[in-house]
């Protein structure tokens, strides 16, 4: 019989209490990915975080990882971390629901490459965003990971520029930013919860969807999606979060251990994501997908269609200075 989320969290809390005798400090961290580190960026990141913290603390700090949505979806995990039911969470898009300014990272066609995104996130802009979101949410961003660049797939035709999307029904996450983006490109955005996506694709409720290559491959979307477009419209960021009260309760030395391990975790998560994207792209081609790589001119058309619409929407949600600042940071990083 499946445990309810509330019961599971209660058992986690009880486990933390009983573990005090075995370790001075117990940290709990939840995420939605599988735990297998070779195929899961969050799995790899949390596994290395656990091992480093436990080793460097000599066992005084124990880290318990709950993968695969055992403690709920990303929205649940953020809320549980805020309430102190769990110590930590590693999430992606759901963080923008509680810190709206984090959504500026999802401006379409913002980052020209992953290294530019890393430089922006690890630089002053990332530090400023982390400090702001800490103030807004009570959650400290220990490190930024990566979920990868999102790309379109569909079952109807090759897509090389926005005009090719005209009339296609595209599944999007249940977030307004993605609805605005896809609508601006001429397609019909259809918000659908993740568990329902395979059924929606196989039954023709939607013609296509958008996700990183690694996700497309891992979920075998090639079985019912013929066409892949490598447009990289949104760079997905992982946030490795810790409840600020938990973090503040640690000694200075233990905070240093957690900080170091988190930086390694974020870096490893990025590496695993890059590896699986490269491996997945080859596998998708071998499984018969037709892969379209838009030219620079075609990508400019995608950007011109999607970016202004999303920015206009964002200006009604966040202080426009955050939009200006992230664009400035990208421009500076791209010039380096």
C-alpha atoms as a PDB file:
ATOM      1  CA  UNK A   1       0.000   0.000   0.000  1.00  0.00           C
ATOM      2  CA  UNK A   2       1.346   3.435  -0.885  1.00  0.00           C
ATOM      3  CA  UNK A   3       2.206   5.809   1.932  1.00  0.00           C
ATOM      4  CA  UNK A   4       0.547   9.209   1.784  1.00  0.00           C
ATOM      5  CA  UNK A   5       2.857  12.194   1.514  1.00  0.00           C
ATOM      6  CA  UNK A   6       1.839  13.375   5.008  1.00  0.00           C
ATOM      7  CA  UNK A   7       2.577   9.979   6.548  1.00  0.00           C
ATOM      8  CA  UNK A   8       5.871   9.716   4.713  1.00  0.00           C
ATOM      9  CA  UNK A   9       6.946  13.138   5.982  1.00  0.00           C
ATOM     10  CA  UNK A  10       5.944  12.139   9.508  1.00  0.00           C
ATOM     11  CA  UNK A  11       8.082   9.022   9.236  1.00  0.00           C
ATOM     12  CA  UNK A  12      10.965  11.107   7.918  1.00  0.00           C
ATOM     13  CA  UNK A  13      10.665  13.463  10.867  1.00  0.00           C
ATOM     14  CA  UNK A  14      10.533  10.507  13.259  1.00  0.00           C
ATOM     15  CA  UNK A  15      13.559   9.010  11.564  1.00  0.00           C
ATOM     16  CA  UNK A  16      15.463  12.234  12.045  1.00  0.00           C
ATOM     17  CA  UNK A  17      14.670  12.198  15.755  1.00  0.00           C
ATOM     18  CA  UNK A  18      15.736   8.574  16.193  1.00  0.00           C
ATOM     19  CA  UNK A  19      18.917   9.145  14.199  1.00  0.00           C
ATOM     20  CA  UNK A  20      20.237  11.709  16.649  1.00  0.00           C
ATOM     21  CA  UNK A  21      21.849   8.967  18.681  1.00  0.00           C
ATOM     22  CA  UNK A  22      23.758   7.686  15.637  1.00  0.00           C
ATOM     23  CA  UNK A  23      24.839  11.097  14.336  1.00  0.00           C
ATOM     24  CA  UNK A  24      25.018  14.558  15.870  1.00  0.00           C
ATOM     25  CA  UNK A  25      23.150  16.085  12.920  1.00  0.00           C
ATOM     26  CA  UNK A  26      20.818  14.573  10.329  1.00  0.00           C
ATOM     27  CA  UNK A  27      19.952  16.332   7.083  1.00  0.00           C
ATOM     28  CA  UNK A  28      17.123  15.114   4.862  1.00  0.00           C
ATOM     29  CA  UNK A  29      16.942  15.980   1.170  1.00  0.00           C
ATOM     30  CA  UNK A  30      14.229  15.182  -1.366  1.00  0.00           C
ATOM     31  CA  UNK A  31      14.073  15.333  -5.156  1.00  0.00           C
ATOM     32  CA  UNK A  32      11.910  13.953  -7.977  1.00  0.00           C
ATOM     33  CA  UNK A  33      14.524  12.212 -10.136  1.00  0.00           C
ATOM     34  CA  UNK A  34      15.632   8.573  -9.949  1.00  0.00           C
ATOM     35  CA  UNK A  35      18.572   8.054  -7.597  1.00  0.00           C
ATOM     36  CA  UNK A  36      20.690   6.154 -10.153  1.00  0.00           C
ATOM     37  CA  UNK A  37      23.565   8.599 -10.547  1.00  0.00           C
ATOM     38  CA  UNK A  38      24.586   7.644 -14.081  1.00  0.00           C
ATOM     39  CA  UNK A  39      21.202   8.628 -15.524  1.00  0.00           C
ATOM     40  CA  UNK A  40      19.963  11.252 -13.057  1.00  0.00           C
ATOM     41  CA  UNK A  41      21.522  14.681 -12.535  1.00  0.00           C
ATOM     42  CA  UNK A  42      19.693  15.183  -9.222  1.00  0.00           C
ATOM     43  CA  UNK A  43      20.526  11.619  -8.217  1.00  0.00           C
ATOM     44  CA  UNK A  44      24.217  12.199  -8.920  1.00  0.00           C
ATOM     45  CA  UNK A  45      24.268  15.571  -7.189  1.00  0.00           C
ATOM     46  CA  UNK A  46      22.570  14.407  -3.993  1.00  0.00           C
ATOM     47  CA  UNK A  47      24.629  11.206  -3.837  1.00  0.00           C
ATOM     48  CA  UNK A  48      27.927  13.055  -3.986  1.00  0.00           C
ATOM     49  CA  UNK A  49      26.620  15.647  -1.515  1.00  0.00           C
ATOM     50  CA  UNK A  50      25.718  12.886   0.938  1.00  0.00           C
ATOM     51  CA  UNK A  51      29.061  11.095   0.605  1.00  0.00           C
ATOM     52  CA  UNK A  52      31.177  14.235   0.904  1.00  0.00           C
ATOM     53  CA  UNK A  53      29.314  15.651   3.903  1.00  0.00           C
ATOM     54  CA  UNK A  54      29.337  12.359   5.795  1.00  0.00           C
ATOM     55  CA  UNK A  55      33.007  11.728   5.031  1.00  0.00           C
ATOM     56  CA  UNK A  56      34.262  15.229   5.816  1.00  0.00           C
ATOM     57  CA  UNK A  57      32.275  15.379   9.051  1.00  0.00           C
ATOM     58  CA  UNK A  58      33.596  12.013  10.168  1.00  0.00           C
ATOM     59  CA  UNK A  59      30.029  10.720  10.412  1.00  0.00           C
ATOM     60  CA  UNK A  60      28.836  13.495  12.709  1.00  0.00           C
ATOM     61  CA  UNK A  61      26.471  14.655   9.946  1.00  0.00           C
ATOM     62  CA  UNK A  62      24.201  12.093   8.347  1.00  0.00           C
ATOM     63  CA  UNK A  63      22.446  12.870   5.043  1.00  0.00           C
ATOM     64  CA  UNK A  64      19.320  10.922   4.126  1.00  0.00           C
ATOM     65  CA  UNK A  65      18.233  11.210   0.488  1.00  0.00           C
ATOM     66  CA  UNK A  66      14.636  10.609  -0.644  1.00  0.00           C
ATOM     67  CA  UNK A  67      14.582  10.413  -4.478  1.00  0.00           C
ATOM     68  CA  UNK A  68      11.899   9.691  -7.073  1.00  0.00           C
ATOM     69  CA  UNK A  69       9.161  11.919  -5.599  1.00  0.00           C
ATOM     70  CA  UNK A  70       8.972   9.815  -2.421  1.00  0.00           C
ATOM     71  CA  UNK A  71       8.151  12.997  -0.506  1.00  0.00           C
ATOM     72  CA  UNK A  72       5.985  14.536  -3.215  1.00  0.00           C
ATOM     73  CA  UNK A  73       6.427  16.619  -6.332  1.00  0.00           C
ATOM     74  CA  UNK A  74       8.669  19.649  -6.600  1.00  0.00           C
ATOM     75  CA  UNK A  75       6.045  22.059  -5.252  1.00  0.00           C
ATOM     76  CA  UNK A  76       5.561  19.757  -2.249  1.00  0.00           C
ATOM     77  CA  UNK A  77       9.303  19.567  -1.654  1.00  0.00           C
ATOM     78  CA  UNK A  78       9.716  23.340  -1.682  1.00  0.00           C
ATOM     79  CA  UNK A  79       6.883  23.746   0.791  1.00  0.00           C
ATOM     80  CA  UNK A  80       8.206  20.964   3.046  1.00  0.00           C
ATOM     81  CA  UNK A  81      11.660  22.544   3.080  1.00  0.00           C
ATOM     82  CA  UNK A  82      10.189  25.948   3.903  1.00  0.00           C
ATOM     83  CA  UNK A  83       8.200  24.454   6.774  1.00  0.00           C
ATOM     84  CA  UNK A  84      11.197  22.523   8.090  1.00  0.00           C
ATOM     85  CA  UNK A  85       9.623  19.110   7.524  1.00  0.00           C
ATOM     86  CA  UNK A  86      12.728  18.290   5.485  1.00  0.00           C
ATOM     87  CA  UNK A  87      16.105  20.016   5.630  1.00  0.00           C
ATOM     88  CA  UNK A  88      16.825  20.336   1.920  1.00  0.00           C
ATOM     89  CA  UNK A  89      15.396  19.941  -1.562  1.00  0.00           C
ATOM     90  CA  UNK A  90      16.769  19.900  -5.094  1.00  0.00           C
ATOM     91  CA  UNK A  91      14.214  21.298  -7.526  1.00  0.00           C
ATOM     92  CA  UNK A  92      14.022  23.165 -10.817  1.00  0.00           C
ATOM     93  CA  UNK A  93      11.063  25.210 -12.134  1.00  0.00           C
ATOM     94  CA  UNK A  94       8.954  24.949  -8.971  1.00  0.00           C
ATOM     95  CA  UNK A  95      11.282  27.315  -7.127  1.00  0.00           C
ATOM     96  CA  UNK A  96       9.994  30.211  -9.249  1.00  0.00           C
ATOM     97  CA  UNK A  97       6.558  29.673  -7.689  1.00  0.00           C
ATOM     98  CA  UNK A  98       7.878  30.952  -4.353  1.00  0.00           C
ATOM     99  CA  UNK A  99      10.628  33.244  -5.653  1.00  0.00           C
ATOM    100  CA  UNK A 100       9.204  34.742  -8.831  1.00  0.00           C
ATOM    101  CA  UNK A 101      12.482  36.422  -9.745  1.00  0.00           C
ATOM    102  CA  UNK A 102      14.002  32.993 -10.433  1.00  0.00           C
ATOM    103  CA  UNK A 103      11.746  32.842 -13.499  1.00  0.00           C
ATOM    104  CA  UNK A 104      14.005  35.313 -15.328  1.00  0.00           C
ATOM    105  CA  UNK A 105      16.399  32.393 -15.860  1.00  0.00           C
ATOM    106  CA  UNK A 106      13.718  30.835 -18.093  1.00  0.00           C
ATOM    107  CA  UNK A 107      13.472  33.720 -20.543  1.00  0.00           C
ATOM    108  CA  UNK A 108      13.503  31.928 -23.916  1.00  0.00           C
ATOM    109  CA  UNK A 109      16.775  31.959 -25.842  1.00  0.00           C
ATOM    110  CA  UNK A 110      18.479  33.843 -22.990  1.00  0.00           C
ATOM    111  CA  UNK A 111      21.591  31.684 -22.724  1.00  0.00           C
ATOM    112  CA  UNK A 112      23.566  30.958 -25.910  1.00  0.00           C
ATOM    113  CA  UNK A 113      25.372  28.011 -24.282  1.00  0.00           C
ATOM    114  CA  UNK A 114      25.654  26.067 -21.049  1.00  0.00           C
ATOM    115  CA  UNK A 115      29.090  27.543 -20.147  1.00  0.00           C
ATOM    116  CA  UNK A 116      27.612  31.038 -20.374  1.00  0.00           C
ATOM    117  CA  UNK A 117      24.753  29.965 -18.085  1.00  0.00           C
ATOM    118  CA  UNK A 118      27.255  28.527 -15.592  1.00  0.00           C
ATOM    119  CA  UNK A 119      29.256  31.744 -15.531  1.00  0.00           C
ATOM    120  CA  UNK A 120      26.125  33.817 -14.929  1.00  0.00           C
ATOM    121  CA  UNK A 121      24.800  31.538 -12.192  1.00  0.00           C
ATOM    122  CA  UNK A 122      28.130  31.150 -10.412  1.00  0.00           C
ATOM    123  CA  UNK A 123      28.908  34.861 -10.735  1.00  0.00           C
ATOM    124  CA  UNK A 124      27.517  37.991  -9.131  1.00  0.00           C
ATOM    125  CA  UNK A 125      24.064  37.669 -10.655  1.00  0.00           C
ATOM    126  CA  UNK A 126      23.621  34.168  -9.241  1.00  0.00           C
ATOM    127  CA  UNK A 127      24.788  35.363  -5.814  1.00  0.00           C
ATOM    128  CA  UNK A 128      22.372  38.302  -5.882  1.00  0.00           C
ATOM    129  CA  UNK A 129      19.461  36.098  -6.963  1.00  0.00           C
ATOM    130  CA  UNK A 130      20.290  33.605  -4.214  1.00  0.00           C
ATOM    131  CA  UNK A 131      20.326  36.358  -1.581  1.00  0.00           C
ATOM    132  CA  UNK A 132      17.027  37.774  -2.806  1.00  0.00           C
ATOM    133  CA  UNK A 133      15.303  34.379  -2.898  1.00  0.00           C
ATOM    134  CA  UNK A 134      16.609  33.585   0.589  1.00  0.00           C
ATOM    135  CA  UNK A 135      14.939  36.728   1.878  1.00  0.00           C
ATOM    136  CA  UNK A 136      11.704  35.866   0.051  1.00  0.00           C
ATOM    137  CA  UNK A 137      11.476  32.168   0.918  1.00  0.00           C
ATOM    138  CA  UNK A 138      13.688  31.256   3.872  1.00  0.00           C
ATOM    139  CA  UNK A 139      15.524  28.830   1.570  1.00  0.00           C
ATOM    140  CA  UNK A 140      19.220  29.242   0.854  1.00  0.00           C
ATOM    141  CA  UNK A 141      20.506  28.277  -2.587  1.00  0.00           C
ATOM    142  CA  UNK A 142      23.663  26.324  -1.849  1.00  0.00           C
ATOM    143  CA  UNK A 143      24.437  25.666  -5.519  1.00  0.00           C
ATOM    144  CA  UNK A 144      22.988  25.770  -9.008  1.00  0.00           C
ATOM    145  CA  UNK A 145      22.756  22.605 -11.066  1.00  0.00           C
ATOM    146  CA  UNK A 146      21.360  21.969 -14.533  1.00  0.00           C
ATOM    147  CA  UNK A 147      18.321  20.295 -16.057  1.00  0.00           C
ATOM    148  CA  UNK A 148      19.430  21.161 -19.591  1.00  0.00           C
ATOM    149  CA  UNK A 149      18.230  23.036 -22.646  1.00  0.00           C
ATOM    150  CA  UNK A 150      14.627  22.296 -23.586  1.00  0.00           C
ATOM    151  CA  UNK A 151      13.751  21.309 -27.168  1.00  0.00           C
ATOM    152  CA  UNK A 152      10.575  20.662 -29.151  1.00  0.00           C
ATOM    153  CA  UNK A 153       9.405  17.262 -30.406  1.00  0.00           C
ATOM    154  CA  UNK A 154       6.296  16.493 -32.429  1.00  0.00           C
ATOM    155  CA  UNK A 155       4.651  13.736 -34.448  1.00  0.00           C
ATOM    156  CA  UNK A 156       3.609  15.783 -37.490  1.00  0.00           C
ATOM    157  CA  UNK A 157       6.499  17.483 -39.313  1.00  0.00           C
ATOM    158  CA  UNK A 158      10.040  18.875 -39.074  1.00  0.00           C
ATOM    159  CA  UNK A 159      10.217  22.240 -37.301  1.00  0.00           C
ATOM    160  CA  UNK A 160      13.037  24.578 -38.321  1.00  0.00           C
ATOM    161  CA  UNK A 161      11.471  27.970 -37.534  1.00  0.00           C
ATOM    162  CA  UNK A 162       8.411  29.358 -35.727  1.00  0.00           C
ATOM    163  CA  UNK A 163       6.167  29.174 -38.806  1.00  0.00           C
ATOM    164  CA  UNK A 164       6.550  25.381 -38.737  1.00  0.00           C
ATOM    165  CA  UNK A 165       4.915  25.284 -35.292  1.00  0.00           C
ATOM    166  CA  UNK A 166       1.748  26.956 -36.552  1.00  0.00           C
ATOM    167  CA  UNK A 167      -1.296  25.039 -35.343  1.00  0.00           C
ATOM    168  CA  UNK A 168       0.600  22.283 -33.533  1.00  0.00           C
ATOM    169  CA  UNK A 169      -0.738  21.369 -30.094  1.00  0.00           C
ATOM    170  CA  UNK A 170       2.275  21.404 -27.772  1.00  0.00           C
ATOM    171  CA  UNK A 171       2.217  20.108 -24.214  1.00  0.00           C
ATOM    172  CA  UNK A 172       3.774  22.559 -21.777  1.00  0.00           C
ATOM    173  CA  UNK A 173       4.316  22.583 -18.036  1.00  0.00           C
ATOM    174  CA  UNK A 174       1.528  24.104 -15.975  1.00  0.00           C
ATOM    175  CA  UNK A 175       3.403  27.415 -15.749  1.00  0.00           C
ATOM    176  CA  UNK A 176       2.182  30.655 -17.400  1.00  0.00           C
ATOM    177  CA  UNK A 177       5.644  31.478 -18.768  1.00  0.00           C
ATOM    178  CA  UNK A 178       5.618  28.396 -20.991  1.00  0.00           C
ATOM    179  CA  UNK A 179       2.080  29.059 -22.167  1.00  0.00           C
ATOM    180  CA  UNK A 180       3.067  32.582 -23.222  1.00  0.00           C
ATOM    181  CA  UNK A 181       6.218  31.341 -24.957  1.00  0.00           C
ATOM    182  CA  UNK A 182       4.582  28.628 -27.060  1.00  0.00           C
ATOM    183  CA  UNK A 183       1.586  30.798 -27.913  1.00  0.00           C
ATOM    184  CA  UNK A 184       3.904  33.552 -29.180  1.00  0.00           C
ATOM    185  CA  UNK A 185       5.532  31.060 -31.543  1.00  0.00           C
ATOM    186  CA  UNK A 186       2.210  30.224 -33.190  1.00  0.00           C
ATOM    187  CA  UNK A 187       1.572  26.831 -31.620  1.00  0.00           C
ATOM    188  CA  UNK A 188      -1.298  25.881 -29.304  1.00  0.00           C
ATOM    189  CA  UNK A 189       0.070  25.483 -25.748  1.00  0.00           C
ATOM    190  CA  UNK A 190      -1.638  22.754 -23.730  1.00  0.00           C
ATOM    191  CA  UNK A 191      -0.694  22.602 -20.031  1.00  0.00           C
ATOM    192  CA  UNK A 192      -0.620  18.973 -18.887  1.00  0.00           C
ATOM    193  CA  UNK A 193       0.779  17.490 -15.674  1.00  0.00           C
ATOM    194  CA  UNK A 194       3.904  15.394 -16.214  1.00  0.00           C
ATOM    195  CA  UNK A 195       2.430  11.955 -15.331  1.00  0.00           C
ATOM    196  CA  UNK A 196      -0.199  12.396 -18.056  1.00  0.00           C
ATOM    197  CA  UNK A 197       2.218  13.333 -20.851  1.00  0.00           C
ATOM    198  CA  UNK A 198       2.888   9.875 -22.384  1.00  0.00           C
ATOM    199  CA  UNK A 199      -0.839   9.181 -22.646  1.00  0.00           C
ATOM    200  CA  UNK A 200      -1.504  12.624 -24.145  1.00  0.00           C
ATOM    201  CA  UNK A 201       1.171  12.049 -26.785  1.00  0.00           C
ATOM    202  CA  UNK A 202       0.128   8.516 -27.699  1.00  0.00           C
ATOM    203  CA  UNK A 203      -3.595   9.328 -27.948  1.00  0.00           C
ATOM    204  CA  UNK A 204      -3.086  12.512 -29.942  1.00  0.00           C
ATOM    205  CA  UNK A 205      -4.421  14.893 -27.300  1.00  0.00           C
ATOM    206  CA  UNK A 206      -1.296  16.889 -28.181  1.00  0.00           C
ATOM    207  CA  UNK A 207       1.016  16.732 -31.185  1.00  0.00           C
ATOM    208  CA  UNK A 208       4.235  17.415 -29.329  1.00  0.00           C
ATOM    209  CA  UNK A 209       6.019  18.524 -26.183  1.00  0.00           C
ATOM    210  CA  UNK A 210       9.247  20.203 -25.055  1.00  0.00           C
ATOM    211  CA  UNK A 211      11.963  18.857 -22.779  1.00  0.00           C
ATOM    212  CA  UNK A 212      15.726  18.358 -22.556  1.00  0.00           C
ATOM    213  CA  UNK A 213      17.203  15.648 -24.797  1.00  0.00           C
ATOM    214  CA  UNK A 214      18.030  13.478 -21.785  1.00  0.00           C
ATOM    215  CA  UNK A 215      14.375  13.478 -20.684  1.00  0.00           C
ATOM    216  CA  UNK A 216      13.135  12.761 -24.222  1.00  0.00           C
ATOM    217  CA  UNK A 217      15.483   9.772 -24.421  1.00  0.00           C
ATOM    218  CA  UNK A 218      14.905   8.434 -20.907  1.00  0.00           C
ATOM    219  CA  UNK A 219      11.125   8.445 -21.442  1.00  0.00           C
ATOM    220  CA  UNK A 220      11.381   6.848 -24.912  1.00  0.00           C
ATOM    221  CA  UNK A 221       9.424   9.635 -26.570  1.00  0.00           C
ATOM    222  CA  UNK A 222      10.950   8.474 -29.849  1.00  0.00           C
ATOM    223  CA  UNK A 223       8.359   5.703 -29.822  1.00  0.00           C
ATOM    224  CA  UNK A 224       5.589   8.214 -30.568  1.00  0.00           C
ATOM    225  CA  UNK A 225       7.413  11.419 -31.590  1.00  0.00           C
ATOM    226  CA  UNK A 226       9.133  11.433 -34.977  1.00  0.00           C
ATOM    227  CA  UNK A 227      10.625  14.929 -35.071  1.00  0.00           C
ATOM    228  CA  UNK A 228      13.089  16.675 -32.740  1.00  0.00           C
ATOM    229  CA  UNK A 229      14.130  20.329 -33.041  1.00  0.00           C
ATOM    230  CA  UNK A 230      17.338  21.352 -31.260  1.00  0.00           C
ATOM    231  CA  UNK A 231      16.318  24.951 -30.636  1.00  0.00           C
ATOM    232  CA  UNK A 232      17.268  25.016 -26.927  1.00  0.00           C
ATOM    233  CA  UNK A 233      14.538  27.507 -26.112  1.00  0.00           C
ATOM    234  CA  UNK A 234      14.925  27.446 -22.308  1.00  0.00           C
ATOM    235  CA  UNK A 235      17.903  26.558 -20.140  1.00  0.00           C
ATOM    236  CA  UNK A 236      16.669  24.665 -17.083  1.00  0.00           C
ATOM    237  CA  UNK A 237      18.332  25.327 -13.725  1.00  0.00           C
ATOM    238  CA  UNK A 238      18.408  23.092 -10.664  1.00  0.00           C
ATOM    239  CA  UNK A 239      18.405  24.754  -7.243  1.00  0.00           C
ATOM    240  CA  UNK A 240      20.048  22.915  -4.337  1.00  0.00           C
ATOM    241  CA  UNK A 241      18.172  24.421  -1.381  1.00  0.00           C
ATOM    242  CA  UNK A 242      18.460  24.259   2.396  1.00  0.00           C
ATOM    243  CA  UNK A 243      16.137  25.594   5.075  1.00  0.00           C
ATOM    244  CA  UNK A 244      17.846  28.703   6.486  1.00  0.00           C
ATOM    245  CA  UNK A 245      17.071  27.836  10.107  1.00  0.00           C
ATOM    246  CA  UNK A 246      18.739  24.453   9.595  1.00  0.00           C
ATOM    247  CA  UNK A 247      21.738  26.090   7.924  1.00  0.00           C
ATOM    248  CA  UNK A 248      22.058  28.710  10.683  1.00  0.00           C
ATOM    249  CA  UNK A 249      21.980  25.980  13.357  1.00  0.00           C
ATOM    250  CA  UNK A 250      25.172  24.447  11.961  1.00  0.00           C
ATOM    251  CA  UNK A 251      28.565  25.443  13.295  1.00  0.00           C
ATOM    252  CA  UNK A 252      30.793  27.543  11.068  1.00  0.00           C
ATOM    253  CA  UNK A 253      32.933  24.488  10.330  1.00  0.00           C
ATOM    254  CA  UNK A 254      29.904  22.366   9.421  1.00  0.00           C
ATOM    255  CA  UNK A 255      28.498  25.112   7.200  1.00  0.00           C
ATOM    256  CA  UNK A 256      31.826  25.107   5.350  1.00  0.00           C
ATOM    257  CA  UNK A 257      31.536  21.335   4.831  1.00  0.00           C
ATOM    258  CA  UNK A 258      27.983  21.701   3.485  1.00  0.00           C
ATOM    259  CA  UNK A 259      28.984  24.615   1.231  1.00  0.00           C
ATOM    260  CA  UNK A 260      31.908  22.732  -0.291  1.00  0.00           C
ATOM    261  CA  UNK A 261      29.891  19.583  -0.876  1.00  0.00           C
ATOM    262  CA  UNK A 262      27.065  21.574  -2.472  1.00  0.00           C
ATOM    263  CA  UNK A 263      29.386  23.229  -4.978  1.00  0.00           C
ATOM    264  CA  UNK A 264      30.724  19.833  -6.028  1.00  0.00           C
ATOM    265  CA  UNK A 265      27.169  18.480  -6.198  1.00  0.00           C
ATOM    266  CA  UNK A 266      26.009  21.257  -8.503  1.00  0.00           C
ATOM    267  CA  UNK A 267      29.012  20.779 -10.770  1.00  0.00           C
ATOM    268  CA  UNK A 268      28.526  17.012 -10.954  1.00  0.00           C
ATOM    269  CA  UNK A 269      24.835  17.442 -11.726  1.00  0.00           C
ATOM    270  CA  UNK A 270      25.765  19.652 -14.661  1.00  0.00           C
ATOM    271  CA  UNK A 271      28.298  17.138 -15.918  1.00  0.00           C
ATOM    272  CA  UNK A 272      25.874  14.212 -15.726  1.00  0.00           C
ATOM    273  CA  UNK A 273      23.239  16.245 -17.549  1.00  0.00           C
ATOM    274  CA  UNK A 274      25.700  17.148 -20.323  1.00  0.00           C
ATOM    275  CA  UNK A 275      26.803  13.529 -20.668  1.00  0.00           C
ATOM    276  CA  UNK A 276      23.254  12.201 -20.854  1.00  0.00           C
ATOM    277  CA  UNK A 277      22.242  14.862 -23.378  1.00  0.00           C
ATOM    278  CA  UNK A 278      25.110  13.915 -25.686  1.00  0.00           C
ATOM    279  CA  UNK A 279      24.469  10.204 -25.249  1.00  0.00           C
ATOM    280  CA  UNK A 280      20.729  10.680 -25.624  1.00  0.00           C
ATOM    281  CA  UNK A 281      21.023  12.651 -28.856  1.00  0.00           C
ATOM    282  CA  UNK A 282      22.903   9.800 -30.511  1.00  0.00           C
ATOM    283  CA  UNK A 283      20.375   7.265 -29.236  1.00  0.00           C
ATOM    284  CA  UNK A 284      17.409   9.309 -30.488  1.00  0.00           C
ATOM    285  CA  UNK A 285      18.905   9.389 -33.973  1.00  0.00           C
ATOM    286  CA  UNK A 286      19.544   5.638 -33.844  1.00  0.00           C
ATOM    287  CA  UNK A 287      15.914   5.119 -32.855  1.00  0.00           C
ATOM    288  CA  UNK A 288      14.700   6.889 -35.960  1.00  0.00           C
ATOM    289  CA  UNK A 289      13.980  10.442 -34.898  1.00  0.00           C
ATOM    290  CA  UNK A 290      14.458  13.131 -37.541  1.00  0.00           C
ATOM    291  CA  UNK A 291      16.634  15.782 -35.880  1.00  0.00           C
ATOM    292  CA  UNK A 292      16.543  19.385 -37.069  1.00  0.00           C
ATOM    293  CA  UNK A 293      19.215  21.872 -35.967  1.00  0.00           C
ATOM    294  CA  UNK A 294      18.048  25.414 -36.770  1.00  0.00           C
ATOM    295  CA  UNK A 295      20.541  27.815 -38.358  1.00  0.00           C
ATOM    296  CA  UNK A 296      21.571  31.019 -36.593  1.00  0.00           C
ATOM    297  CA  UNK A 297      19.072  32.916 -38.716  1.00  0.00           C
ATOM    298  CA  UNK A 298      16.281  30.497 -37.827  1.00  0.00           C
ATOM    299  CA  UNK A 299      17.133  30.676 -34.120  1.00  0.00           C
ATOM    300  CA  UNK A 300      16.938  34.468 -34.372  1.00  0.00           C
ATOM    301  CA  UNK A 301      13.377  34.057 -35.654  1.00  0.00           C
ATOM    302  CA  UNK A 302      12.498  31.846 -32.673  1.00  0.00           C
ATOM    303  CA  UNK A 303      13.985  34.410 -30.293  1.00  0.00           C
ATOM    304  CA  UNK A 304      12.220  37.327 -31.967  1.00  0.00           C
ATOM    305  CA  UNK A 305       8.885  35.526 -31.699  1.00  0.00           C
ATOM    306  CA  UNK A 306       9.122  34.207 -28.135  1.00  0.00           C
ATOM    307  CA  UNK A 307      11.373  36.464 -26.081  1.00  0.00           C
ATOM    308  CA  UNK A 308       9.438  39.777 -26.223  1.00  0.00           C
ATOM    309  CA  UNK A 309       6.145  38.083 -25.308  1.00  0.00           C
ATOM    310  CA  UNK A 310       7.642  36.346 -22.270  1.00  0.00           C
ATOM    311  CA  UNK A 311       9.505  39.457 -21.138  1.00  0.00           C
ATOM    312  CA  UNK A 312       6.294  41.507 -21.370  1.00  0.00           C
ATOM    313  CA  UNK A 313       4.555  38.895 -19.216  1.00  0.00           C
ATOM    314  CA  UNK A 314       7.445  38.797 -16.727  1.00  0.00           C
ATOM    315  CA  UNK A 315       7.364  42.574 -16.297  1.00  0.00           C
ATOM    316  CA  UNK A 316       3.939  42.123 -14.716  1.00  0.00           C
ATOM    317  CA  UNK A 317       5.329  39.535 -12.301  1.00  0.00           C
ATOM    318  CA  UNK A 318       8.755  40.807 -11.196  1.00  0.00           C
ATOM    319  CA  UNK A 319      10.687  44.056 -10.923  1.00  0.00           C
ATOM    320  CA  UNK A 320      11.986  44.682 -14.473  1.00  0.00           C
ATOM    321  CA  UNK A 321      15.462  45.350 -13.062  1.00  0.00           C
ATOM    322  CA  UNK A 322      15.888  41.581 -12.669  1.00  0.00           C
ATOM    323  CA  UNK A 323      15.265  41.120 -16.381  1.00  0.00           C
ATOM    324  CA  UNK A 324      17.769  43.853 -17.237  1.00  0.00           C
ATOM    325  CA  UNK A 325      20.340  42.441 -14.834  1.00  0.00           C
ATOM    326  CA  UNK A 326      20.213  38.880 -16.135  1.00  0.00           C
ATOM    327  CA  UNK A 327      20.416  40.073 -19.747  1.00  0.00           C
ATOM    328  CA  UNK A 328      23.398  42.237 -18.856  1.00  0.00           C
ATOM    329  CA  UNK A 329      25.079  39.320 -17.073  1.00  0.00           C
ATOM    330  CA  UNK A 330      24.564  37.073 -20.115  1.00  0.00           C
ATOM    331  CA  UNK A 331      25.982  39.716 -22.436  1.00  0.00           C
ATOM    332  CA  UNK A 332      29.063  40.116 -20.247  1.00  0.00           C
ATOM    333  CA  UNK A 333      29.603  36.349 -19.892  1.00  0.00           C
ATOM    334  CA  UNK A 334      29.190  35.853 -23.628  1.00  0.00           C
ATOM    335  CA  UNK A 335      31.927  38.391 -24.302  1.00  0.00           C
ATOM    336  CA  UNK A 336      34.454  36.652 -22.037  1.00  0.00           C
END
